[in-house]
């Protein structure tokens, strides 16, 4: 089963710059995470954006939707910043006939204690098992993207 992983940036891809005292979105971590986990699945990695999700615009979401819609696999994982993941998921609900799972991380994928590998693994499993629709994989759960929110105070996703 072939799966596309569409990368858009977010914390999962952030790099810490000590001299600058902050983070910037770097190269996608997906390939490294998959290699470290010895994943053998047939996965196409498609880099679309390198943005913090708080900086995403309607045009960026349209670009993500177009990438998801035109990629050949019908099972798609989208890596994305968690702050506006729900908004992008809403945009992706217009894509018919595909199973789309958005995921990200609360800590950069380059950190040893990041949740990125676990979340990406859950997203890949969900993409293979869920029926067509849009989902969010986070915090050890798979959420229907139309019925979830990010609780910024507790820094987690929860059903609504």
C-alpha atoms as a PDB file:
ATOM      1  CA  UNK A   1       0.000   0.000   0.000  1.00  0.00           C
ATOM      2  CA  UNK A   2       1.489   3.307  -1.071  1.00  0.00           C
ATOM      3  CA  UNK A   3       1.237   6.357   1.204  1.00  0.00           C
ATOM      4  CA  UNK A   4       2.152   9.987   0.524  1.00  0.00           C
ATOM      5  CA  UNK A   5       3.586  12.093   3.327  1.00  0.00           C
ATOM      6  CA  UNK A   6       3.102  15.781   2.573  1.00  0.00           C
ATOM      7  CA  UNK A   7       5.367  17.994   4.682  1.00  0.00           C
ATOM      8  CA  UNK A   8       4.434  21.572   5.516  1.00  0.00           C
ATOM      9  CA  UNK A   9       6.784  22.515   8.370  1.00  0.00           C
ATOM     10  CA  UNK A  10       5.775  23.150  11.954  1.00  0.00           C
ATOM     11  CA  UNK A  11       7.545  22.199  15.152  1.00  0.00           C
ATOM     12  CA  UNK A  12       8.216  18.654  13.893  1.00  0.00           C
ATOM     13  CA  UNK A  13      10.757  20.192  11.458  1.00  0.00           C
ATOM     14  CA  UNK A  14      12.132  22.986  13.644  1.00  0.00           C
ATOM     15  CA  UNK A  15      15.830  23.482  14.251  1.00  0.00           C
ATOM     16  CA  UNK A  16      17.190  25.224  17.327  1.00  0.00           C
ATOM     17  CA  UNK A  17      19.726  27.968  16.615  1.00  0.00           C
ATOM     18  CA  UNK A  18      21.687  28.624  19.807  1.00  0.00           C
ATOM     19  CA  UNK A  19      23.270  31.833  18.513  1.00  0.00           C
ATOM     20  CA  UNK A  20      19.864  33.226  17.566  1.00  0.00           C
ATOM     21  CA  UNK A  21      18.166  31.928  20.696  1.00  0.00           C
ATOM     22  CA  UNK A  22      15.186  30.594  18.757  1.00  0.00           C
ATOM     23  CA  UNK A  23      13.815  28.056  16.326  1.00  0.00           C
ATOM     24  CA  UNK A  24      13.375  28.041  12.579  1.00  0.00           C
ATOM     25  CA  UNK A  25      11.660  25.502  10.378  1.00  0.00           C
ATOM     26  CA  UNK A  26      14.326  23.328   8.775  1.00  0.00           C
ATOM     27  CA  UNK A  27      14.368  20.405   6.396  1.00  0.00           C
ATOM     28  CA  UNK A  28      11.596  17.833   6.838  1.00  0.00           C
ATOM     29  CA  UNK A  29      12.338  15.198   9.494  1.00  0.00           C
ATOM     30  CA  UNK A  30      10.100  12.532   7.947  1.00  0.00           C
ATOM     31  CA  UNK A  31      12.805  10.679   6.008  1.00  0.00           C
ATOM     32  CA  UNK A  32      15.092  10.500   9.047  1.00  0.00           C
ATOM     33  CA  UNK A  33      12.286   9.374  11.371  1.00  0.00           C
ATOM     34  CA  UNK A  34      11.231   6.667   8.886  1.00  0.00           C
ATOM     35  CA  UNK A  35      14.827   5.480   8.436  1.00  0.00           C
ATOM     36  CA  UNK A  36      15.435   5.360  12.205  1.00  0.00           C
ATOM     37  CA  UNK A  37      12.250   3.328  12.653  1.00  0.00           C
ATOM     38  CA  UNK A  38      13.255   0.962   9.808  1.00  0.00           C
ATOM     39  CA  UNK A  39       9.961   1.583   8.027  1.00  0.00           C
ATOM     40  CA  UNK A  40       9.623  -0.557   4.903  1.00  0.00           C
ATOM     41  CA  UNK A  41       6.278   0.780   3.674  1.00  0.00           C
ATOM     42  CA  UNK A  42       6.083   2.349   0.208  1.00  0.00           C
ATOM     43  CA  UNK A  43       6.096   6.062   1.116  1.00  0.00           C
ATOM     44  CA  UNK A  44       6.376   9.110  -1.140  1.00  0.00           C
ATOM     45  CA  UNK A  45       7.608  12.206   0.728  1.00  0.00           C
ATOM     46  CA  UNK A  46       6.366  15.444  -0.846  1.00  0.00           C
ATOM     47  CA  UNK A  47       7.743  18.689   0.563  1.00  0.00           C
ATOM     48  CA  UNK A  48       5.193  21.482   0.089  1.00  0.00           C
ATOM     49  CA  UNK A  49       6.024  24.175   2.663  1.00  0.00           C
ATOM     50  CA  UNK A  50       8.483  24.988   5.430  1.00  0.00           C
ATOM     51  CA  UNK A  51       6.341  27.199   7.647  1.00  0.00           C
ATOM     52  CA  UNK A  52       5.330  27.610  11.225  1.00  0.00           C
ATOM     53  CA  UNK A  53       1.599  26.943  11.239  1.00  0.00           C
ATOM     54  CA  UNK A  54       0.917  30.296  12.921  1.00  0.00           C
ATOM     55  CA  UNK A  55       2.257  31.929   9.734  1.00  0.00           C
ATOM     56  CA  UNK A  56       0.071  29.895   7.352  1.00  0.00           C
ATOM     57  CA  UNK A  57      -2.323  31.768   5.106  1.00  0.00           C
ATOM     58  CA  UNK A  58      -5.423  30.771   3.167  1.00  0.00           C
ATOM     59  CA  UNK A  59      -3.202  30.549   0.081  1.00  0.00           C
ATOM     60  CA  UNK A  60      -0.875  28.130   1.930  1.00  0.00           C
ATOM     61  CA  UNK A  61      -3.830  25.948   2.871  1.00  0.00           C
ATOM     62  CA  UNK A  62      -4.998  25.950  -0.750  1.00  0.00           C
ATOM     63  CA  UNK A  63      -1.471  24.857  -1.775  1.00  0.00           C
ATOM     64  CA  UNK A  64      -1.591  22.001   0.749  1.00  0.00           C
ATOM     65  CA  UNK A  65      -5.050  20.972  -0.466  1.00  0.00           C
ATOM     66  CA  UNK A  66      -3.859  20.961  -4.088  1.00  0.00           C
ATOM     67  CA  UNK A  67      -0.826  18.835  -3.192  1.00  0.00           C
ATOM     68  CA  UNK A  68      -2.980  16.309  -1.330  1.00  0.00           C
ATOM     69  CA  UNK A  69      -5.603  16.241  -4.059  1.00  0.00           C
ATOM     70  CA  UNK A  70      -3.114  15.705  -6.895  1.00  0.00           C
ATOM     71  CA  UNK A  71      -0.807  13.160  -5.253  1.00  0.00           C
ATOM     72  CA  UNK A  72      -1.380   9.673  -6.575  1.00  0.00           C
ATOM     73  CA  UNK A  73      -1.747   7.715  -3.314  1.00  0.00           C
ATOM     74  CA  UNK A  74      -5.220   7.787  -1.771  1.00  0.00           C
ATOM     75  CA  UNK A  75      -3.714   7.475   1.704  1.00  0.00           C
ATOM     76  CA  UNK A  76      -1.992  10.668   2.780  1.00  0.00           C
ATOM     77  CA  UNK A  77      -0.258  11.883   5.936  1.00  0.00           C
ATOM     78  CA  UNK A  78       0.318  15.623   6.327  1.00  0.00           C
ATOM     79  CA  UNK A  79       2.948  16.844   8.780  1.00  0.00           C
ATOM     80  CA  UNK A  80       1.903  20.223  10.105  1.00  0.00           C
ATOM     81  CA  UNK A  81       2.313  22.589  13.031  1.00  0.00           C
ATOM     82  CA  UNK A  82      -0.182  21.866  15.785  1.00  0.00           C
ATOM     83  CA  UNK A  83      -1.376  25.436  16.378  1.00  0.00           C
ATOM     84  CA  UNK A  84      -3.460  25.676  13.191  1.00  0.00           C
ATOM     85  CA  UNK A  85      -3.718  22.008  12.239  1.00  0.00           C
ATOM     86  CA  UNK A  86      -7.485  22.002  12.775  1.00  0.00           C
ATOM     87  CA  UNK A  87      -7.927  24.894  10.312  1.00  0.00           C
ATOM     88  CA  UNK A  88      -5.943  23.081   7.615  1.00  0.00           C
ATOM     89  CA  UNK A  89      -7.881  19.884   8.322  1.00  0.00           C
ATOM     90  CA  UNK A  90     -11.097  21.812   7.648  1.00  0.00           C
ATOM     91  CA  UNK A  91      -9.708  22.896   4.260  1.00  0.00           C
ATOM     92  CA  UNK A  92      -8.799  19.287   3.439  1.00  0.00           C
ATOM     93  CA  UNK A  93     -12.361  18.072   4.030  1.00  0.00           C
ATOM     94  CA  UNK A  94     -13.090  19.243   0.465  1.00  0.00           C
ATOM     95  CA  UNK A  95     -10.796  16.483  -0.891  1.00  0.00           C
ATOM     96  CA  UNK A  96     -12.936  13.456  -1.725  1.00  0.00           C
ATOM     97  CA  UNK A  97     -11.976   9.782  -1.809  1.00  0.00           C
ATOM     98  CA  UNK A  98      -8.787   9.973   0.269  1.00  0.00           C
ATOM     99  CA  UNK A  99      -7.825   9.072   3.792  1.00  0.00           C
ATOM    100  CA  UNK A 100      -5.924  12.096   5.110  1.00  0.00           C
ATOM    101  CA  UNK A 101      -4.227  12.140   8.507  1.00  0.00           C
ATOM    102  CA  UNK A 102      -2.579  15.270   9.876  1.00  0.00           C
ATOM    103  CA  UNK A 103       0.079  15.024  12.546  1.00  0.00           C
ATOM    104  CA  UNK A 104       2.870  17.055  14.062  1.00  0.00           C
ATOM    105  CA  UNK A 105       4.875  17.382  17.227  1.00  0.00           C
ATOM    106  CA  UNK A 106       4.993  19.474  20.350  1.00  0.00           C
ATOM    107  CA  UNK A 107       8.803  19.260  20.346  1.00  0.00           C
ATOM    108  CA  UNK A 108      11.116  19.283  17.315  1.00  0.00           C
ATOM    109  CA  UNK A 109      11.658  15.885  15.713  1.00  0.00           C
ATOM    110  CA  UNK A 110      15.409  16.400  16.139  1.00  0.00           C
ATOM    111  CA  UNK A 111      15.039  16.203  19.945  1.00  0.00           C
ATOM    112  CA  UNK A 112      15.514  12.779  21.530  1.00  0.00           C
ATOM    113  CA  UNK A 113      12.390  13.191  23.676  1.00  0.00           C
ATOM    114  CA  UNK A 114      10.188  14.425  20.824  1.00  0.00           C
ATOM    115  CA  UNK A 115       6.720  13.026  20.282  1.00  0.00           C
ATOM    116  CA  UNK A 116       7.326  13.230  16.502  1.00  0.00           C
ATOM    117  CA  UNK A 117       8.249   9.564  15.842  1.00  0.00           C
ATOM    118  CA  UNK A 118       5.279   8.260  17.825  1.00  0.00           C
ATOM    119  CA  UNK A 119       2.837  10.693  16.206  1.00  0.00           C
ATOM    120  CA  UNK A 120       4.138   9.951  12.705  1.00  0.00           C
ATOM    121  CA  UNK A 121       3.836   6.209  13.348  1.00  0.00           C
ATOM    122  CA  UNK A 122       0.273   6.614  14.561  1.00  0.00           C
ATOM    123  CA  UNK A 123      -0.560   8.753  11.532  1.00  0.00           C
ATOM    124  CA  UNK A 124       0.859   6.157   9.126  1.00  0.00           C
ATOM    125  CA  UNK A 125      -1.133   3.400  10.839  1.00  0.00           C
ATOM    126  CA  UNK A 126      -4.307   5.500  10.803  1.00  0.00           C
ATOM    127  CA  UNK A 127      -3.832   6.312   7.104  1.00  0.00           C
ATOM    128  CA  UNK A 128      -3.729   2.584   6.370  1.00  0.00           C
ATOM    129  CA  UNK A 129      -6.705   1.635   8.551  1.00  0.00           C
ATOM    130  CA  UNK A 130      -9.207   4.508   8.541  1.00  0.00           C
ATOM    131  CA  UNK A 131     -11.881   4.924   5.849  1.00  0.00           C
ATOM    132  CA  UNK A 132     -11.729   7.988   3.587  1.00  0.00           C
ATOM    133  CA  UNK A 133     -11.971  11.223   5.551  1.00  0.00           C
ATOM    134  CA  UNK A 134      -9.775  13.657   7.464  1.00  0.00           C
ATOM    135  CA  UNK A 135      -8.208  12.787  10.814  1.00  0.00           C
ATOM    136  CA  UNK A 136      -5.683  14.130  13.300  1.00  0.00           C
ATOM    137  CA  UNK A 137      -3.202  11.787  14.999  1.00  0.00           C
ATOM    138  CA  UNK A 138      -1.862  13.223  18.258  1.00  0.00           C
ATOM    139  CA  UNK A 139      -1.484  12.398  21.929  1.00  0.00           C
ATOM    140  CA  UNK A 140      -1.863   8.661  21.289  1.00  0.00           C
ATOM    141  CA  UNK A 141      -5.293   9.105  19.698  1.00  0.00           C
ATOM    142  CA  UNK A 142      -6.908   9.372  16.280  1.00  0.00           C
ATOM    143  CA  UNK A 143      -9.462  12.175  16.099  1.00  0.00           C
ATOM    144  CA  UNK A 144     -12.121  12.954  13.516  1.00  0.00           C
ATOM    145  CA  UNK A 145     -10.782  16.309  12.291  1.00  0.00           C
ATOM    146  CA  UNK A 146     -14.279  17.823  12.331  1.00  0.00           C
ATOM    147  CA  UNK A 147     -14.661  17.006  16.029  1.00  0.00           C
ATOM    148  CA  UNK A 148     -11.373  18.031  17.631  1.00  0.00           C
ATOM    149  CA  UNK A 149      -9.673  21.119  18.985  1.00  0.00           C
ATOM    150  CA  UNK A 150      -6.278  21.963  20.332  1.00  0.00           C
ATOM    151  CA  UNK A 151      -6.393  22.908  23.991  1.00  0.00           C
ATOM    152  CA  UNK A 152      -3.551  25.434  24.021  1.00  0.00           C
ATOM    153  CA  UNK A 153      -3.613  25.740  27.799  1.00  0.00           C
ATOM    154  CA  UNK A 154      -2.965  21.992  28.260  1.00  0.00           C
ATOM    155  CA  UNK A 155      -1.016  21.720  24.971  1.00  0.00           C
ATOM    156  CA  UNK A 156      -2.955  18.739  23.669  1.00  0.00           C
ATOM    157  CA  UNK A 157      -5.770  17.789  21.318  1.00  0.00           C
ATOM    158  CA  UNK A 158      -9.170  16.796  22.651  1.00  0.00           C
ATOM    159  CA  UNK A 159     -12.524  15.813  21.154  1.00  0.00           C
ATOM    160  CA  UNK A 160     -15.350  18.340  20.976  1.00  0.00           C
END
